[in-house]
Amino acid sequence: MELLKPLFESGRIDFQGQDLAGSLATALLALSATVSLGVGFLQKTLSMTFYVYAIGVLLTYLVVLPAWPFFKRNQVNWLPRRTIGAPALVDSPNQPLSRKTLVEDVSDDNDE
């Protein structure tokens, strides 16, 4: 049980891992539906079709839901956070002079 703990604690996967998880889920669910219909047709039992499909769905959950390492191969390197000065109050041309609008200073004064 301790071996599976890191898989469920760190649920962060990258964007390409999310795309892979979606593709895998679609493919595995389609495969389990096809197999369950085939088994149900050969056995001539509708309940067997549902049981086989339920097993396929559970196996799909086991493959897709944990954050397996192959979903984390392309981590995104985010840019560092820039500190911006305190927001300034400025007059808006569309409002009366008595009202002020809150505007953030986004000038590049620090990048000299």
C-alpha atoms as a PDB file:
ATOM      1  CA  MET A   1       0.000   0.000   0.000  1.00  0.00           C
ATOM      2  CA  GLU A   2       2.921   2.341   0.711  1.00  0.00           C
ATOM      3  CA  LEU A   3       4.134   1.873  -2.874  1.00  0.00           C
ATOM      4  CA  LEU A   4       0.892   3.314  -4.268  1.00  0.00           C
ATOM      5  CA  LYS A   5       0.788   6.288  -1.889  1.00  0.00           C
ATOM      6  CA  PRO A   6       3.000   8.623  -4.029  1.00  0.00           C
ATOM      7  CA  LEU A   7       0.780   7.989  -7.054  1.00  0.00           C
ATOM      8  CA  PHE A   8      -2.270   9.391  -5.286  1.00  0.00           C
ATOM      9  CA  GLU A   9      -0.548  12.189  -3.336  1.00  0.00           C
ATOM     10  CA  SER A  10       0.988  13.972  -6.309  1.00  0.00           C
ATOM     11  CA  GLY A  11      -1.878  14.325  -8.747  1.00  0.00           C
ATOM     12  CA  ARG A  12      -0.125  16.846 -10.975  1.00  0.00           C
ATOM     13  CA  ILE A  13       0.286  15.731 -14.547  1.00  0.00           C
ATOM     14  CA  ASP A  14       1.380  17.845 -17.487  1.00  0.00           C
ATOM     15  CA  PHE A  15      -0.746  18.978 -20.411  1.00  0.00           C
ATOM     16  CA  GLN A  16       0.479  16.237 -22.742  1.00  0.00           C
ATOM     17  CA  GLY A  17      -0.183  13.714 -19.962  1.00  0.00           C
ATOM     18  CA  GLN A  18      -3.759  14.996 -19.740  1.00  0.00           C
ATOM     19  CA  ASP A  19      -4.163  14.511 -23.474  1.00  0.00           C
ATOM     20  CA  LEU A  20      -2.686  11.015 -23.209  1.00  0.00           C
ATOM     21  CA  ALA A  21      -5.031  10.174 -20.314  1.00  0.00           C
ATOM     22  CA  GLY A  22      -8.041  11.308 -22.339  1.00  0.00           C
ATOM     23  CA  SER A  23      -6.965   9.294 -25.370  1.00  0.00           C
ATOM     24  CA  LEU A  24      -6.277   6.220 -23.253  1.00  0.00           C
ATOM     25  CA  ALA A  25      -9.646   6.503 -21.519  1.00  0.00           C
ATOM     26  CA  THR A  26     -11.459   6.778 -24.848  1.00  0.00           C
ATOM     27  CA  ALA A  27      -9.575   3.854 -26.391  1.00  0.00           C
ATOM     28  CA  LEU A  28      -9.900   1.594 -23.339  1.00  0.00           C
ATOM     29  CA  LEU A  29     -13.617   2.279 -22.922  1.00  0.00           C
ATOM     30  CA  ALA A  30     -14.239   1.603 -26.617  1.00  0.00           C
ATOM     31  CA  LEU A  31     -12.207  -1.608 -26.376  1.00  0.00           C
ATOM     32  CA  SER A  32     -14.044  -2.769 -23.267  1.00  0.00           C
ATOM     33  CA  ALA A  33     -17.404  -2.021 -24.927  1.00  0.00           C
ATOM     34  CA  THR A  34     -16.402  -4.028 -27.986  1.00  0.00           C
ATOM     35  CA  VAL A  35     -15.119  -6.949 -25.921  1.00  0.00           C
ATOM     36  CA  SER A  36     -18.177  -6.924 -23.656  1.00  0.00           C
ATOM     37  CA  LEU A  37     -20.540  -6.949 -26.641  1.00  0.00           C
ATOM     38  CA  GLY A  38     -18.609  -9.832 -28.160  1.00  0.00           C
ATOM     39  CA  VAL A  39     -18.633 -11.843 -24.933  1.00  0.00           C
ATOM     40  CA  GLY A  40     -22.306 -11.100 -24.354  1.00  0.00           C
ATOM     41  CA  PHE A  41     -23.172 -12.127 -27.907  1.00  0.00           C
ATOM     42  CA  LEU A  42     -21.204 -15.389 -27.672  1.00  0.00           C
ATOM     43  CA  GLN A  43     -22.614 -16.228 -24.226  1.00  0.00           C
ATOM     44  CA  LYS A  44     -26.088 -14.963 -25.200  1.00  0.00           C
ATOM     45  CA  THR A  45     -26.368 -13.270 -21.824  1.00  0.00           C
ATOM     46  CA  LEU A  46     -27.017  -9.564 -21.387  1.00  0.00           C
ATOM     47  CA  SER A  47     -25.836  -9.604 -17.763  1.00  0.00           C
ATOM     48  CA  MET A  48     -22.451 -10.980 -18.882  1.00  0.00           C
ATOM     49  CA  THR A  49     -22.164  -7.994 -21.236  1.00  0.00           C
ATOM     50  CA  PHE A  50     -22.654  -5.596 -18.333  1.00  0.00           C
ATOM     51  CA  TYR A  51     -20.228  -7.465 -16.052  1.00  0.00           C
ATOM     52  CA  VAL A  52     -17.464  -7.507 -18.657  1.00  0.00           C
ATOM     53  CA  TYR A  53     -18.017  -3.821 -19.428  1.00  0.00           C
ATOM     54  CA  ALA A  54     -17.935  -2.964 -15.696  1.00  0.00           C
ATOM     55  CA  ILE A  55     -14.599  -4.766 -15.380  1.00  0.00           C
ATOM     56  CA  GLY A  56     -13.330  -2.795 -18.394  1.00  0.00           C
ATOM     57  CA  VAL A  57     -14.406   0.482 -16.805  1.00  0.00           C
ATOM     58  CA  LEU A  58     -12.644  -0.409 -13.548  1.00  0.00           C
ATOM     59  CA  LEU A  59      -9.464  -1.308 -15.426  1.00  0.00           C
ATOM     60  CA  THR A  60      -9.709   1.994 -17.305  1.00  0.00           C
ATOM     61  CA  TYR A  61      -9.954   3.825 -13.965  1.00  0.00           C
ATOM     62  CA  LEU A  62      -6.845   2.026 -12.725  1.00  0.00           C
ATOM     63  CA  VAL A  63      -4.906   3.057 -15.823  1.00  0.00           C
ATOM     64  CA  VAL A  64      -6.122   6.656 -16.138  1.00  0.00           C
ATOM     65  CA  LEU A  65      -6.905   8.054 -12.689  1.00  0.00           C
ATOM     66  CA  PRO A  66      -3.604   7.689 -10.774  1.00  0.00           C
ATOM     67  CA  ALA A  67      -0.869  10.128 -11.747  1.00  0.00           C
ATOM     68  CA  TRP A  68       1.466   7.506 -13.208  1.00  0.00           C
ATOM     69  CA  PRO A  69       5.008   8.659 -14.105  1.00  0.00           C
ATOM     70  CA  PHE A  70       4.330   8.362 -17.848  1.00  0.00           C
ATOM     71  CA  PHE A  71       1.766  11.169 -17.472  1.00  0.00           C
ATOM     72  CA  LYS A  72       4.483  13.481 -16.042  1.00  0.00           C
ATOM     73  CA  ARG A  73       7.187  13.279 -18.717  1.00  0.00           C
ATOM     74  CA  ASN A  74       6.800  16.825 -20.093  1.00  0.00           C
ATOM     75  CA  GLN A  75       6.625  19.122 -17.087  1.00  0.00           C
ATOM     76  CA  VAL A  76       5.913  22.779 -17.781  1.00  0.00           C
ATOM     77  CA  ASN A  77       8.560  25.259 -16.634  1.00  0.00           C
ATOM     78  CA  TRP A  78       6.583  28.315 -15.607  1.00  0.00           C
ATOM     79  CA  LEU A  79       8.105  31.785 -15.713  1.00  0.00           C
ATOM     80  CA  PRO A  80       8.996  33.282 -12.335  1.00  0.00           C
ATOM     81  CA  ARG A  81       6.456  35.619 -10.810  1.00  0.00           C
ATOM     82  CA  ARG A  82       7.137  39.299 -11.398  1.00  0.00           C
ATOM     83  CA  THR A  83       6.454  41.653  -8.551  1.00  0.00           C
ATOM     84  CA  ILE A  84       4.380  44.605  -9.594  1.00  0.00           C
ATOM     85  CA  GLY A  85       4.240  47.832  -7.639  1.00  0.00           C
ATOM     86  CA  ALA A  86       1.199  48.852  -5.664  1.00  0.00           C
ATOM     87  CA  PRO A  87      -1.890  49.510  -7.773  1.00  0.00           C
ATOM     88  CA  ALA A  88      -2.563  53.148  -8.559  1.00  0.00           C
ATOM     89  CA  LEU A  89      -5.846  55.018  -8.567  1.00  0.00           C
ATOM     90  CA  VAL A  90      -6.412  56.895 -11.819  1.00  0.00           C
ATOM     91  CA  ASP A  91      -9.223  58.897 -13.361  1.00  0.00           C
ATOM     92  CA  SER A  92     -11.233  57.123 -16.005  1.00  0.00           C
ATOM     93  CA  PRO A  93     -12.337  59.264 -18.959  1.00  0.00           C
ATOM     94  CA  ASN A  94     -15.786  57.629 -18.954  1.00  0.00           C
ATOM     95  CA  GLN A  95     -16.540  58.316 -15.292  1.00  0.00           C
ATOM     96  CA  PRO A  96     -17.062  61.537 -13.359  1.00  0.00           C
ATOM     97  CA  LEU A  97     -13.936  63.071 -11.817  1.00  0.00           C
ATOM     98  CA  SER A  98     -15.054  62.179  -8.304  1.00  0.00           C
ATOM     99  CA  ARG A  99     -14.821  58.443  -9.012  1.00  0.00           C
ATOM    100  CA  LYS A 100     -11.470  56.696  -9.284  1.00  0.00           C
ATOM    101  CA  THR A 101     -10.591  53.435 -11.036  1.00  0.00           C
ATOM    102  CA  LEU A 102      -8.096  50.940  -9.694  1.00  0.00           C
ATOM    103  CA  VAL A 103      -5.358  50.213 -12.258  1.00  0.00           C
ATOM    104  CA  GLU A 104      -2.233  48.090 -11.854  1.00  0.00           C
ATOM    105  CA  ASP A 105       1.097  49.546 -12.890  1.00  0.00           C
ATOM    106  CA  VAL A 106       2.371  47.162 -15.565  1.00  0.00           C
ATOM    107  CA  SER A 107       5.202  49.305 -16.856  1.00  0.00           C
ATOM    108  CA  ASP A 108       8.659  47.778 -17.223  1.00  0.00           C
ATOM    109  CA  ASP A 109      10.430  50.174 -14.875  1.00  0.00           C
ATOM    110  CA  ASN A 110      12.423  47.333 -13.249  1.00  0.00           C
ATOM    111  CA  ASP A 111      13.820  45.916 -16.519  1.00  0.00           C
ATOM    112  CA  GLU A 112      16.473  48.586 -17.189  1.00  0.00           C
END
